[in-house]
Amino acid sequence: MLFRSAMLIKELQDNRSWVVYLVRCSDQSLYCGVTNNLKKRLAMHNNGKGARYTRSRRPVTLAGVCENLTKRAALRLEHRIKKLPSDKKLEQLENEKETVEEHHGTGNHQRNAGNLG
């Protein structure tokens, strides 16, 4: 029974439903975040309920997304992107998307999807 519980926990941890996203704010700056519900998170940003950084820079528009990540991988990518200068952030996200697509054989990635708010 303990082994079965450990396996279920491992499956949940390996769930690849996390995304790293970049939004372009009204002042043209970029904000990077992580979520497992992108539509809801973008609405929060545009309703002033999201990150403190984006509250005074609304509306935000989606600039890029890397999907199908584990939570751990998403948090690590977000950390790497946040350390980069703004002109390198989208490039890093795109490079990571290509790596994920090659590894998983998926094409469920978006770029320049426009304002979803």
N, C-alpha and C. Protein backbone atom coordinates (compact mmCIF):
# COMPACT_ATOMS: atom_id res chain seq x y z
N MET A 1 0.82 -1.19 0.00
CA MET A 1 0.00 0.00 0.00
C MET A 1 0.86 1.26 0.00
N LEU A 2 1.94 1.26 0.79
CA LEU A 2 2.83 2.42 0.85
C LEU A 2 3.50 2.63 -0.51
N PHE A 3 3.88 1.53 -1.17
CA PHE A 3 4.50 1.64 -2.48
C PHE A 3 3.54 2.26 -3.48
N ARG A 4 2.27 1.87 -3.45
CA ARG A 4 1.26 2.42 -4.36
C ARG A 4 1.09 3.92 -4.12
N SER A 5 1.07 4.35 -2.88
CA SER A 5 0.95 5.78 -2.56
C SER A 5 2.15 6.55 -3.08
N ALA A 6 3.32 5.98 -2.92
CA ALA A 6 4.53 6.64 -3.42
C ALA A 6 4.49 6.77 -4.93
N MET A 7 3.97 5.76 -5.61
CA MET A 7 3.86 5.81 -7.07
C MET A 7 2.87 6.89 -7.51
N LEU A 8 1.75 7.02 -6.81
CA LEU A 8 0.76 8.05 -7.14
C LEU A 8 1.34 9.44 -6.94
N ILE A 9 2.08 9.61 -5.85
CA ILE A 9 2.71 10.90 -5.60
C ILE A 9 3.70 11.22 -6.71
N LYS A 10 4.49 10.24 -7.12
CA LYS A 10 5.46 10.44 -8.20
C LYS A 10 4.75 10.84 -9.49
N GLU A 11 3.63 10.20 -9.81
CA GLU A 11 2.87 10.54 -11.00
C GLU A 11 2.38 11.99 -10.95
N LEU A 12 1.89 12.41 -9.80
CA LEU A 12 1.42 13.78 -9.65
C LEU A 12 2.56 14.77 -9.80
N GLN A 13 3.72 14.45 -9.26
CA GLN A 13 4.87 15.34 -9.36
C GLN A 13 5.37 15.43 -10.80
N ASP A 14 5.22 14.36 -11.55
CA ASP A 14 5.69 14.34 -12.93
C ASP A 14 4.68 14.94 -13.90
N ASN A 15 3.54 15.36 -13.42
CA ASN A 15 2.50 15.94 -14.27
C ASN A 15 3.07 17.13 -15.04
N ARG A 16 3.00 17.07 -16.33
CA ARG A 16 3.57 18.10 -17.18
C ARG A 16 2.52 19.12 -17.59
N SER A 17 1.84 19.68 -16.61
CA SER A 17 0.79 20.64 -16.92
C SER A 17 1.19 22.07 -16.57
N TRP A 18 2.46 22.29 -16.30
CA TRP A 18 2.94 23.62 -15.91
C TRP A 18 3.48 24.35 -17.12
N VAL A 19 3.33 25.68 -17.10
CA VAL A 19 3.83 26.52 -18.18
C VAL A 19 4.64 27.68 -17.61
N VAL A 20 5.61 28.11 -18.38
CA VAL A 20 6.33 29.35 -18.11
C VAL A 20 5.86 30.31 -19.19
N TYR A 21 5.52 31.52 -18.79
CA TYR A 21 5.00 32.48 -19.75
C TYR A 21 5.71 33.82 -19.60
N LEU A 22 5.72 34.55 -20.70
CA LEU A 22 6.21 35.93 -20.71
C LEU A 22 5.06 36.80 -21.19
N VAL A 23 4.80 37.86 -20.46
CA VAL A 23 3.82 38.84 -20.91
C VAL A 23 4.54 40.16 -21.15
N ARG A 24 4.06 40.88 -22.15
CA ARG A 24 4.57 42.22 -22.42
C ARG A 24 3.60 43.20 -21.77
N CYS A 25 4.14 44.04 -20.93
CA CYS A 25 3.34 45.02 -20.20
C CYS A 25 3.13 46.27 -21.06
N SER A 26 2.24 47.13 -20.60
CA SER A 26 1.91 48.34 -21.36
C SER A 26 3.11 49.26 -21.53
N ASP A 27 4.10 49.18 -20.64
CA ASP A 27 5.32 49.99 -20.76
C ASP A 27 6.40 49.27 -21.58
N GLN A 28 6.02 48.17 -22.24
CA GLN A 28 6.89 47.35 -23.10
C GLN A 28 7.88 46.49 -22.33
N SER A 29 7.82 46.48 -21.01
CA SER A 29 8.68 45.58 -20.24
C SER A 29 8.09 44.17 -20.29
N LEU A 30 8.92 43.19 -19.92
CA LEU A 30 8.48 41.80 -19.91
C LEU A 30 8.38 41.30 -18.47
N TYR A 31 7.37 40.47 -18.22
CA TYR A 31 7.22 39.81 -16.93
C TYR A 31 7.16 38.32 -17.19
N CYS A 32 7.91 37.55 -16.41
CA CYS A 32 7.95 36.09 -16.54
C CYS A 32 7.26 35.47 -15.34
N GLY A 33 6.45 34.45 -15.59
CA GLY A 33 5.77 33.76 -14.50
C GLY A 33 5.57 32.29 -14.80
N VAL A 34 5.06 31.57 -13.81
CA VAL A 34 4.78 30.13 -13.90
C VAL A 34 3.35 29.91 -13.44
N THR A 35 2.65 29.01 -14.11
CA THR A 35 1.29 28.69 -13.71
C THR A 35 0.90 27.32 -14.26
N ASN A 36 -0.18 26.78 -13.73
CA ASN A 36 -0.77 25.58 -14.32
C ASN A 36 -2.15 25.88 -14.91
N ASN A 37 -2.49 27.19 -14.97
CA ASN A 37 -3.74 27.63 -15.59
C ASN A 37 -3.48 29.00 -16.23
N LEU A 38 -3.00 28.99 -17.45
CA LEU A 38 -2.55 30.22 -18.10
C LEU A 38 -3.69 31.21 -18.32
N LYS A 39 -4.82 30.74 -18.77
CA LYS A 39 -5.95 31.64 -19.05
C LYS A 39 -6.36 32.40 -17.78
N LYS A 40 -6.47 31.68 -16.68
CA LYS A 40 -6.85 32.30 -15.41
C LYS A 40 -5.77 33.28 -14.94
N ARG A 41 -4.51 32.90 -15.10
CA ARG A 41 -3.41 33.75 -14.63
C ARG A 41 -3.34 35.05 -15.44
N LEU A 42 -3.52 34.98 -16.75
CA LEU A 42 -3.52 36.19 -17.57
C LEU A 42 -4.68 37.11 -17.20
N ALA A 43 -5.83 36.52 -16.93
CA ALA A 43 -6.98 37.33 -16.49
C ALA A 43 -6.66 38.02 -15.17
N MET A 44 -6.00 37.32 -14.26
CA MET A 44 -5.63 37.93 -12.99
C MET A 44 -4.68 39.11 -13.21
N HIS A 45 -3.69 38.94 -14.07
CA HIS A 45 -2.77 40.04 -14.36
C HIS A 45 -3.54 41.25 -14.90
N ASN A 46 -4.45 41.02 -15.83
CA ASN A 46 -5.17 42.13 -16.46
C ASN A 46 -6.27 42.72 -15.58
N ASN A 47 -6.67 42.01 -14.54
CA ASN A 47 -7.65 42.54 -13.58
C ASN A 47 -6.99 43.17 -12.37
N GLY A 48 -5.67 43.28 -12.38
CA GLY A 48 -4.96 43.89 -11.27
C GLY A 48 -4.81 42.99 -10.06
N LYS A 49 -5.06 41.70 -10.23
CA LYS A 49 -4.96 40.74 -9.12
C LYS A 49 -3.73 39.85 -9.24
N GLY A 50 -2.92 40.08 -10.26
CA GLY A 50 -1.74 39.26 -10.49
C GLY A 50 -0.55 39.79 -9.70
N ALA A 51 0.61 39.60 -10.25
CA ALA A 51 1.85 40.03 -9.60
C ALA A 51 1.87 41.55 -9.40
N ARG A 52 2.51 41.96 -8.35
CA ARG A 52 2.63 43.39 -8.05
C ARG A 52 3.25 44.14 -9.23
N TYR A 53 4.23 43.53 -9.87
CA TYR A 53 4.91 44.18 -10.99
C TYR A 53 3.94 44.56 -12.11
N THR A 54 3.00 43.68 -12.42
CA THR A 54 2.11 43.93 -13.56
C THR A 54 0.91 44.80 -13.21
N ARG A 55 0.61 44.98 -11.94
CA ARG A 55 -0.60 45.73 -11.55
C ARG A 55 -0.63 47.14 -12.11
N SER A 56 0.51 47.81 -12.14
CA SER A 56 0.54 49.19 -12.64
C SER A 56 0.97 49.25 -14.10
N ARG A 57 1.06 48.10 -14.76
CA ARG A 57 1.53 48.05 -16.15
C ARG A 57 0.52 47.33 -17.04
N ARG A 58 -0.73 47.50 -16.75
CA ARG A 58 -1.79 46.84 -17.52
C ARG A 58 -2.19 47.71 -18.71
N PRO A 59 -2.71 47.06 -19.75
CA PRO A 59 -2.91 45.62 -19.91
C PRO A 59 -1.62 44.92 -20.29
N VAL A 60 -1.61 43.62 -20.05
CA VAL A 60 -0.49 42.79 -20.47
C VAL A 60 -0.95 41.92 -21.63
N THR A 61 -0.01 41.60 -22.51
CA THR A 61 -0.30 40.69 -23.63
C THR A 61 0.69 39.54 -23.59
N LEU A 62 0.24 38.41 -24.00
CA LEU A 62 1.08 37.22 -23.99
C LEU A 62 2.16 37.35 -25.06
N ALA A 63 3.41 37.20 -24.65
CA ALA A 63 4.54 37.31 -25.57
C ALA A 63 5.11 35.94 -25.93
N GLY A 64 5.03 34.98 -25.02
CA GLY A 64 5.55 33.65 -25.28
C GLY A 64 5.18 32.69 -24.18
N VAL A 65 5.15 31.40 -24.54
CA VAL A 65 4.77 30.35 -23.60
C VAL A 65 5.60 29.11 -23.87
N CYS A 66 6.02 28.44 -22.81
CA CYS A 66 6.64 27.12 -22.91
C CYS A 66 5.78 26.20 -22.05
N GLU A 67 5.15 25.22 -22.67
CA GLU A 67 4.20 24.34 -22.00
C GLU A 67 4.77 22.95 -21.78
N ASN A 68 3.95 22.12 -21.14
CA ASN A 68 4.27 20.70 -20.93
C ASN A 68 5.50 20.49 -20.06
N LEU A 69 5.59 21.28 -19.00
CA LEU A 69 6.71 21.17 -18.07
C LEU A 69 6.24 20.62 -16.73
N THR A 70 7.14 19.98 -16.02
CA THR A 70 6.84 19.64 -14.63
C THR A 70 6.94 20.94 -13.83
N LYS A 71 6.40 20.95 -12.65
CA LYS A 71 6.48 22.15 -11.81
C LYS A 71 7.94 22.51 -11.56
N ARG A 72 8.74 21.52 -11.26
CA ARG A 72 10.16 21.76 -10.97
C ARG A 72 10.88 22.38 -12.17
N ALA A 73 10.65 21.81 -13.36
CA ALA A 73 11.28 22.33 -14.57
C ALA A 73 10.81 23.75 -14.87
N ALA A 74 9.53 24.01 -14.64
CA ALA A 74 8.97 25.34 -14.89
C ALA A 74 9.60 26.37 -13.95
N LEU A 75 9.72 26.03 -12.69
CA LEU A 75 10.32 26.97 -11.73
C LEU A 75 11.78 27.24 -12.05
N ARG A 76 12.49 26.21 -12.49
CA ARG A 76 13.90 26.39 -12.85
C ARG A 76 14.05 27.30 -14.08
N LEU A 77 13.19 27.08 -15.08
CA LEU A 77 13.24 27.90 -16.28
C LEU A 77 12.88 29.35 -15.95
N GLU A 78 11.87 29.54 -15.14
CA GLU A 78 11.48 30.89 -14.73
C GLU A 78 12.66 31.59 -14.06
N HIS A 79 13.34 30.90 -13.18
CA HIS A 79 14.48 31.47 -12.48
C HIS A 79 15.58 31.89 -13.46
N ARG A 80 15.86 31.01 -14.44
CA ARG A 80 16.89 31.34 -15.44
C ARG A 80 16.49 32.56 -16.26
N ILE A 81 15.22 32.62 -16.67
CA ILE A 81 14.75 33.73 -17.50
C ILE A 81 14.79 35.04 -16.73
N LYS A 82 14.38 35.02 -15.48
CA LYS A 82 14.34 36.25 -14.69
C LYS A 82 15.73 36.84 -14.48
N LYS A 83 16.77 36.03 -14.57
CA LYS A 83 18.13 36.53 -14.39
C LYS A 83 18.70 37.18 -15.65
N LEU A 84 18.04 36.99 -16.78
CA LEU A 84 18.53 37.50 -18.06
C LEU A 84 18.10 38.95 -18.30
N PRO A 85 18.87 39.66 -19.14
CA PRO A 85 18.40 40.98 -19.57
C PRO A 85 17.16 40.81 -20.45
N SER A 86 16.33 41.82 -20.51
CA SER A 86 15.04 41.68 -21.19
C SER A 86 15.17 41.29 -22.66
N ASP A 87 16.23 41.72 -23.33
CA ASP A 87 16.37 41.38 -24.75
C ASP A 87 16.72 39.91 -24.98
N LYS A 88 17.04 39.16 -23.93
CA LYS A 88 17.40 37.74 -24.05
C LYS A 88 16.30 36.82 -23.53
N LYS A 89 15.29 37.36 -22.85
CA LYS A 89 14.28 36.52 -22.20
C LYS A 89 13.45 35.71 -23.18
N LEU A 90 12.92 36.37 -24.20
CA LEU A 90 12.08 35.66 -25.17
C LEU A 90 12.90 34.62 -25.93
N GLU A 91 14.14 34.95 -26.25
CA GLU A 91 15.03 34.02 -26.93
C GLU A 91 15.25 32.75 -26.08
N GLN A 92 15.46 32.92 -24.78
CA GLN A 92 15.66 31.78 -23.88
C GLN A 92 14.41 30.92 -23.82
N LEU A 93 13.24 31.57 -23.76
CA LEU A 93 11.98 30.83 -23.72
C LEU A 93 11.79 30.03 -25.01
N GLU A 94 12.08 30.65 -26.14
CA GLU A 94 11.94 29.97 -27.43
C GLU A 94 12.91 28.79 -27.53
N ASN A 95 14.13 28.97 -27.07
CA ASN A 95 15.10 27.87 -27.09
C ASN A 95 14.63 26.71 -26.24
N GLU A 96 14.08 27.01 -25.08
CA GLU A 96 13.57 25.95 -24.20
C GLU A 96 12.38 25.25 -24.83
N LYS A 97 11.51 25.99 -25.51
CA LYS A 97 10.36 25.38 -26.18
C LYS A 97 10.81 24.36 -27.21
N GLU A 98 11.83 24.72 -27.97
CA GLU A 98 12.34 23.79 -28.98
C GLU A 98 12.86 22.51 -28.33
N THR A 99 13.53 22.65 -27.20
CA THR A 99 14.06 21.49 -26.48
C THR A 99 12.91 20.61 -25.99
N VAL A 100 11.88 21.22 -25.42
CA VAL A 100 10.72 20.48 -24.91
C VAL A 100 10.01 19.79 -26.06
N GLU A 101 9.82 20.50 -27.17
CA GLU A 101 9.14 19.92 -28.33
C GLU A 101 9.90 18.72 -28.88
N GLU A 102 11.21 18.82 -28.95
CA GLU A 102 12.01 17.71 -29.44
C GLU A 102 11.92 16.51 -28.51
N HIS A 103 11.93 16.79 -27.21
CA HIS A 103 11.90 15.72 -26.22
C HIS A 103 10.54 15.03 -26.16
N HIS A 104 9.46 15.82 -26.27
CA HIS A 104 8.11 15.26 -26.11
C HIS A 104 7.36 15.10 -27.42
N GLY A 105 7.90 15.64 -28.49
CA GLY A 105 7.23 15.51 -29.78
C GLY A 105 5.92 16.26 -29.83
N THR A 106 5.84 17.40 -29.15
CA THR A 106 4.61 18.17 -29.15
C THR A 106 4.82 19.48 -29.86
N GLY A 107 3.73 20.08 -30.27
CA GLY A 107 3.78 21.39 -30.91
C GLY A 107 2.77 22.33 -30.29
N ASN A 108 2.48 22.17 -29.02
CA ASN A 108 1.44 22.95 -28.34
C ASN A 108 1.99 24.22 -27.73
N HIS A 109 2.78 24.96 -28.48
CA HIS A 109 3.40 26.15 -27.94
C HIS A 109 2.94 27.37 -28.71
N GLN A 110 2.86 28.50 -28.02
CA GLN A 110 2.35 29.71 -28.63
C GLN A 110 3.38 30.82 -28.52
N ARG A 111 3.31 31.72 -29.46
CA ARG A 111 4.12 32.93 -29.39
C ARG A 111 3.29 34.05 -29.97
N ASN A 112 3.35 35.21 -29.33
CA ASN A 112 2.62 36.38 -29.79
C ASN A 112 1.13 36.07 -29.95
N ALA A 113 0.54 35.50 -28.93
CA ALA A 113 -0.87 35.11 -28.99
C ALA A 113 -1.80 36.29 -28.81
N GLY A 114 -1.26 37.44 -28.46
CA GLY A 114 -2.10 38.63 -28.30
C GLY A 114 -2.67 38.72 -26.92
N ASN A 115 -3.49 39.72 -26.71
CA ASN A 115 -4.07 40.01 -25.41
C ASN A 115 -5.23 39.06 -25.16
N LEU A 116 -5.13 38.27 -24.12
CA LEU A 116 -6.19 37.33 -23.77
C LEU A 116 -7.06 37.87 -22.66
N GLY A 117 -6.81 39.06 -22.20
CA GLY A 117 -7.53 39.63 -21.06
C GLY A 117 -8.72 40.40 -21.39
